[in-house]
Protein backbone atom coordinates (compact mmCIF):
# COMPACT_ATOMS: atom_id res chain seq x y z
CA MET A 1 140.71 -96.16 128.69
CA CYS A 2 142.77 -93.00 128.09
CA ARG A 3 141.69 -90.55 125.41
CA PRO A 4 144.17 -89.82 122.60
CA LEU A 5 146.26 -86.69 123.01
CA PHE A 6 145.11 -85.20 119.70
CA SER A 7 141.45 -85.52 120.87
CA LEU A 8 142.16 -83.53 124.03
CA GLN A 9 143.97 -80.88 122.00
CA LYS A 10 141.02 -80.71 119.58
CA ASN A 11 138.52 -80.15 122.43
CA LYS A 12 140.76 -77.47 123.90
CA ASN A 13 140.91 -75.66 120.56
CA GLU A 14 137.12 -75.87 120.18
CA ARG A 15 136.56 -74.36 123.65
CA LYS A 16 139.02 -71.58 122.85
CA LYS A 17 137.27 -70.91 119.55
CA THR A 18 133.85 -70.77 121.29
CA SER A 19 135.22 -68.35 123.88
CA ASN A 20 136.63 -66.12 121.14
CA ASN A 21 133.29 -66.16 119.32
CA ALA A 22 131.48 -65.12 122.50
CA SER A 23 133.94 -62.28 123.03
CA ASP A 24 133.44 -61.15 119.43
CA VAL A 25 129.65 -61.17 119.86
CA SER A 26 129.93 -59.19 123.11
CA ALA A 27 132.20 -56.62 121.49
CA PHE A 28 129.82 -56.32 118.54
CA VAL A 29 126.82 -55.75 120.82
CA GLN A 30 128.67 -52.99 122.64
CA THR A 31 129.26 -51.18 119.35
CA LEU A 32 125.55 -51.14 118.51
CA PRO A 33 123.81 -47.82 119.14
CA SER A 34 121.70 -47.91 122.30
CA PRO A 35 118.00 -47.09 121.90
CA SER A 36 117.52 -43.40 122.58
CA ARG A 37 114.53 -41.57 123.92
CA PRO A 38 113.74 -37.87 123.92
CA ARG A 39 115.47 -36.11 126.77
CA ILE A 40 114.67 -32.77 128.34
CA PRO A 41 117.19 -31.04 130.62
CA LEU A 42 116.15 -31.34 134.25
CA SER A 43 116.33 -27.58 134.83
CA VAL A 44 113.99 -26.94 131.88
CA ALA A 45 111.53 -29.59 133.07
CA LEU A 46 111.43 -28.12 136.58
CA LEU A 47 110.68 -24.69 135.15
CA ILE A 48 107.86 -25.99 132.95
CA LEU A 49 106.15 -28.30 135.44
CA PRO A 50 104.56 -25.65 137.73
CA PHE A 51 102.81 -24.14 134.72
CA ALA A 52 102.03 -27.38 132.85
CA LEU A 53 100.63 -29.56 135.63
CA PRO A 54 97.05 -29.03 136.79
CA SER A 55 96.63 -28.82 140.56
CA SER A 56 94.52 -31.99 140.55
CA TRP A 57 97.67 -33.95 139.77
CA TYR A 58 99.36 -33.11 143.08
CA ILE A 59 96.70 -31.72 145.43
CA ASN A 60 95.03 -34.41 147.55
CA ARG A 61 97.14 -37.01 145.83
CA GLY A 62 99.01 -39.72 147.69
CA TYR A 63 102.75 -39.71 148.20
CA THR A 64 102.93 -42.78 145.97
CA GLN A 65 101.48 -40.71 143.13
CA TRP A 66 104.13 -38.07 143.74
CA PHE A 67 106.67 -40.89 143.54
CA HIS A 68 105.21 -41.95 140.20
CA GLY A 69 105.39 -38.36 139.03
CA MET A 70 109.09 -38.18 139.89
CA ALA A 71 109.57 -41.49 138.05
CA MET A 72 107.97 -40.00 134.94
CA LEU A 73 110.17 -36.93 135.29
CA GLN A 74 113.26 -39.14 135.51
CA PHE A 75 112.21 -41.01 132.38
CA ILE A 76 111.78 -37.73 130.50
CA THR A 77 115.02 -36.16 131.65
CA ASP A 78 117.15 -39.31 132.11
CA SER A 79 118.72 -37.57 135.12
CA ASN A 80 121.22 -39.53 137.20
CA PHE A 81 120.24 -37.52 140.25
CA LEU A 82 116.56 -38.36 139.81
CA ALA A 83 117.40 -42.04 139.33
CA GLN A 84 119.09 -42.03 142.74
CA PHE A 85 116.28 -39.91 144.17
CA CYS A 86 113.56 -42.30 142.98
CA ALA A 87 115.49 -45.32 144.21
CA LEU A 88 115.58 -44.07 147.79
CA GLN A 89 112.13 -42.50 147.60
CA GLY A 90 110.70 -45.79 146.37
CA LEU A 91 112.30 -47.59 149.32
CA THR A 92 110.63 -45.28 151.84
CA VAL A 93 107.31 -45.39 149.97
CA CYS A 94 107.27 -49.18 150.03
CA SER A 95 108.24 -49.27 153.70
CA GLY A 96 105.47 -46.90 154.71
CA TRP A 97 102.76 -48.40 152.53
CA TYR A 98 103.30 -52.01 153.53
CA ALA A 99 103.75 -51.09 157.20
CA CYS A 100 100.32 -49.46 157.00
CA MET A 101 98.74 -52.50 155.33
CA ILE A 102 100.32 -54.92 157.82
CA CYS A 103 99.07 -52.89 160.77
CA ASP A 104 95.58 -52.68 159.26
CA PHE A 105 95.51 -56.46 159.01
CA ALA A 106 96.98 -56.98 162.50
CA TRP A 107 94.63 -54.54 164.26
CA HIS A 108 91.41 -54.83 162.25
CA GLY A 109 91.78 -58.09 160.30
CA ARG A 110 91.38 -56.25 156.98
CA PHE A 111 93.69 -57.74 154.36
CA GLY A 112 94.13 -55.47 151.36
CA HIS A 113 91.08 -53.33 152.08
CA LEU A 114 93.11 -50.11 151.91
CA LEU A 115 94.39 -51.20 148.52
CA TYR A 116 90.99 -52.16 147.13
CA ARG A 117 89.19 -49.00 148.19
CA ASN A 118 91.85 -46.78 146.61
CA MET A 119 91.90 -48.53 143.26
CA PRO A 120 90.45 -46.89 140.13
CA HIS A 121 86.70 -47.35 139.81
CA LEU A 122 87.24 -49.65 136.84
CA ILE A 123 88.69 -52.22 139.29
CA MET A 124 87.09 -51.12 142.56
CA ASP A 125 83.52 -51.56 141.30
CA TYR A 126 84.16 -55.27 140.76
CA ILE A 127 85.53 -55.72 144.30
CA ILE A 128 83.43 -53.62 146.66
CA GLU A 129 79.76 -54.43 147.14
CA ASP A 130 78.87 -51.91 149.84
CA TYR A 131 80.15 -49.99 152.89
CA THR A 132 79.24 -50.52 156.53
CA LYS A 133 77.24 -47.70 158.12
CA ASP A 134 79.22 -47.38 161.35
CA THR A 135 82.87 -47.67 160.31
CA HIS A 136 82.44 -47.12 156.56
CA ASP A 137 84.42 -50.30 156.01
CA VAL A 138 84.11 -52.18 152.74
CA ILE A 139 81.99 -55.26 152.13
CA LEU A 140 83.73 -57.33 149.49
CA LYS A 141 81.98 -59.22 146.74
CA ASN A 142 82.31 -62.98 146.60
CA ASP A 143 82.41 -63.98 142.96
CA THR A 144 84.94 -64.81 140.27
CA ALA A 145 85.06 -61.30 138.84
CA ALA A 146 85.82 -59.91 142.30
CA TYR A 147 88.72 -62.31 142.83
CA VAL A 148 90.12 -61.49 139.40
CA ALA A 149 89.89 -57.77 140.17
CA MET A 150 91.59 -58.33 143.55
CA ALA A 151 94.42 -60.16 141.82
CA MET A 152 94.76 -57.31 139.32
CA ALA A 153 94.87 -54.81 142.19
CA HIS A 154 97.72 -56.69 143.86
CA VAL A 155 99.59 -56.98 140.56
CA LEU A 156 99.30 -53.22 139.99
CA ASP A 157 100.37 -52.63 143.58
CA PHE A 158 103.44 -54.82 143.06
CA LEU A 159 104.36 -53.07 139.80
CA GLY A 160 103.83 -49.56 141.18
CA HIS A 161 105.68 -50.06 144.46
CA PRO A 162 108.47 -52.68 144.83
CA MET A 163 108.98 -53.34 141.12
CA LEU A 164 109.38 -49.66 140.27
CA CYS A 165 111.67 -49.21 143.26
CA CYS A 166 113.84 -52.16 142.17
CA TYR A 167 113.96 -50.74 138.65
CA PHE A 168 115.58 -47.52 139.85
CA TRP A 169 118.03 -49.36 142.10
CA ARG A 170 119.07 -51.43 139.09
CA GLN A 171 119.37 -48.27 137.01
CA CYS A 172 121.70 -46.80 139.60
CA HIS A 173 123.74 -49.99 139.61
CA PHE A 174 124.17 -49.88 135.84
CA ARG A 175 125.09 -46.19 135.90
CA GLN A 176 127.88 -46.68 138.42
CA THR A 177 130.68 -49.22 138.63
CA GLU A 178 130.87 -49.00 142.42
CA MET A 179 128.48 -50.62 144.89
CA THR A 180 124.87 -49.52 144.52
CA GLN A 181 124.53 -48.49 148.16
CA SER A 182 127.52 -46.15 148.07
CA PHE A 183 126.18 -44.55 144.91
CA VAL A 184 122.58 -44.00 145.96
CA LEU A 185 122.79 -43.31 149.67
CA THR A 186 124.60 -40.00 149.55
CA TRP A 187 123.77 -37.27 152.06
CA ALA A 188 122.34 -35.10 149.30
CA ILE A 189 119.91 -37.81 148.23
CA VAL A 190 118.94 -38.60 151.83
CA PHE A 191 118.25 -34.94 152.58
CA THR A 192 116.31 -34.16 149.39
CA THR A 193 114.08 -37.23 149.57
CA TYR A 194 113.21 -36.51 153.20
CA LEU A 195 112.57 -32.86 152.37
CA PHE A 196 110.36 -33.89 149.45
CA SER A 197 108.30 -36.09 151.77
CA ARG A 198 107.80 -33.20 154.20
CA ILE A 199 106.85 -30.89 151.32
CA TRP A 200 104.14 -33.37 150.39
CA SER A 201 102.80 -33.41 153.97
CA ILE A 202 102.89 -29.63 154.33
CA THR A 203 101.18 -29.15 150.96
CA GLN A 204 98.30 -31.52 151.70
CA SER A 205 97.76 -30.24 155.24
CA TYR A 206 97.96 -26.59 154.18
CA VAL A 207 95.36 -27.09 151.46
CA ASN A 208 92.95 -29.02 153.68
CA TYR A 209 93.50 -27.48 157.13
CA GLY A 210 94.55 -23.92 156.36
CA GLN A 211 97.61 -21.82 157.03
CA GLU A 212 97.45 -22.06 160.81
CA ASN A 213 96.97 -25.85 161.01
CA TRP A 214 99.50 -27.23 158.55
CA GLN A 215 101.29 -30.38 159.64
CA PHE A 216 104.84 -31.60 159.27
CA HIS A 217 103.33 -35.10 158.93
CA TYR A 218 99.95 -35.02 157.24
CA VAL A 219 97.19 -37.05 158.91
CA GLY A 220 93.71 -36.97 157.41
CA ALA A 221 91.14 -38.53 155.13
CA HIS A 222 91.42 -36.14 152.20
CA VAL A 223 94.14 -37.96 150.27
CA TYR A 224 93.24 -41.63 150.70
CA ASP A 225 89.88 -43.30 151.16
CA ILE A 226 90.15 -44.89 154.60
CA PRO A 227 87.58 -46.23 157.08
CA ASN A 228 86.19 -44.06 159.85
CA GLU A 229 88.29 -43.85 163.01
CA SER A 230 91.31 -45.25 161.16
CA LEU A 231 93.54 -42.19 161.03
CA HIS A 232 95.96 -44.02 163.33
CA LEU A 233 97.05 -46.06 160.29
CA TRP A 234 99.08 -43.05 159.17
CA TYR A 235 101.49 -43.48 162.06
CA PRO A 236 102.95 -46.88 161.07
CA ALA A 237 103.76 -45.40 157.66
CA TYR A 238 105.62 -42.43 159.15
CA ILE A 239 107.36 -44.63 161.72
CA ALA A 240 108.55 -47.03 159.01
CA GLU A 241 109.79 -44.08 156.94
CA ALA A 242 111.63 -42.65 159.96
CA ILE A 243 113.23 -46.02 160.70
CA CYS A 244 114.52 -46.21 157.11
CA TYR A 245 116.15 -42.79 157.37
CA LEU A 246 117.49 -43.53 160.85
CA ILE A 247 119.16 -46.75 159.70
CA ILE A 248 120.61 -45.00 156.66
CA CYS A 249 121.96 -42.10 158.73
CA ILE A 250 123.51 -44.45 161.31
CA TRP A 251 125.08 -46.58 158.60
CA LYS A 252 126.47 -43.56 156.78
CA SER A 253 127.75 -41.98 160.00
CA LYS A 254 129.57 -45.15 161.00
CA HIS A 255 131.01 -45.42 157.50
CA TYR A 256 132.09 -41.76 157.59
CA VAL A 257 133.66 -42.07 161.07
CA GLY A 258 135.46 -45.25 160.06
CA HIS A 259 136.81 -43.48 156.98
CA LEU A 260 138.12 -40.61 159.11
CA ILE A 261 139.76 -43.03 161.56
CA GLY A 262 141.43 -44.82 158.67
CA LEU A 263 142.77 -41.54 157.30
CA ARG A 264 144.18 -40.54 160.68
CA GLN A 265 145.89 -43.87 161.08
CA LYS A 266 147.60 -43.42 157.72
CA GLU A 267 148.98 -40.02 158.72
CA PRO A 268 152.70 -40.14 159.70
């Protein structure tokens, strides 16, 4: 049975009215003042940090902790450059960290041991019962409190690595109308993040091995608590980081060459 014409017209008017109401609400929300937070100019923050930070905050501290420090600096300064910086830095940090954990599980059958033994003592004491005498590997507890602590460790790991990385990629997406990749993966960001990683390695190796034995890629047991004879686990992290930068450089080079070819074809 066909519906009356006036009923169809009424439904059409109601949908139009609902759409107008939604547009009005959206326009009203855009006029509301956004929540503000205290902001410090990036140049001022960089001048203050060397004098304000104790050396224990960056000496013999993992690269992930340097990443968290840059994230805090970005939150304080609200710098667009640091948002891009942390997005790419977080990507390389996650790649290296999880490559290391995967290789530790594949070679030694230790799932999450690197994570557990580098947790704060408040969590680690519930997980680790003892250490082996030969390899200094961990002996995990087998009770409910230990499993709860393990779950908390993995949650913190997820929040401090991929979740924080995704946060900065989303920030970059909201700050730019173009595609996220074209905004973040600039040559300046690629160069500065790689340089920052090498500065971390040189700093840690210089402090622990001296002026004559500093390393472009730090390898040692001073920064992270790792089992004996497990220094080879550093290499998957550096290889994964290098692969990330290699893929980015190849992608950007092909994009740049294609852009040049397109410009030449447009020339009369």
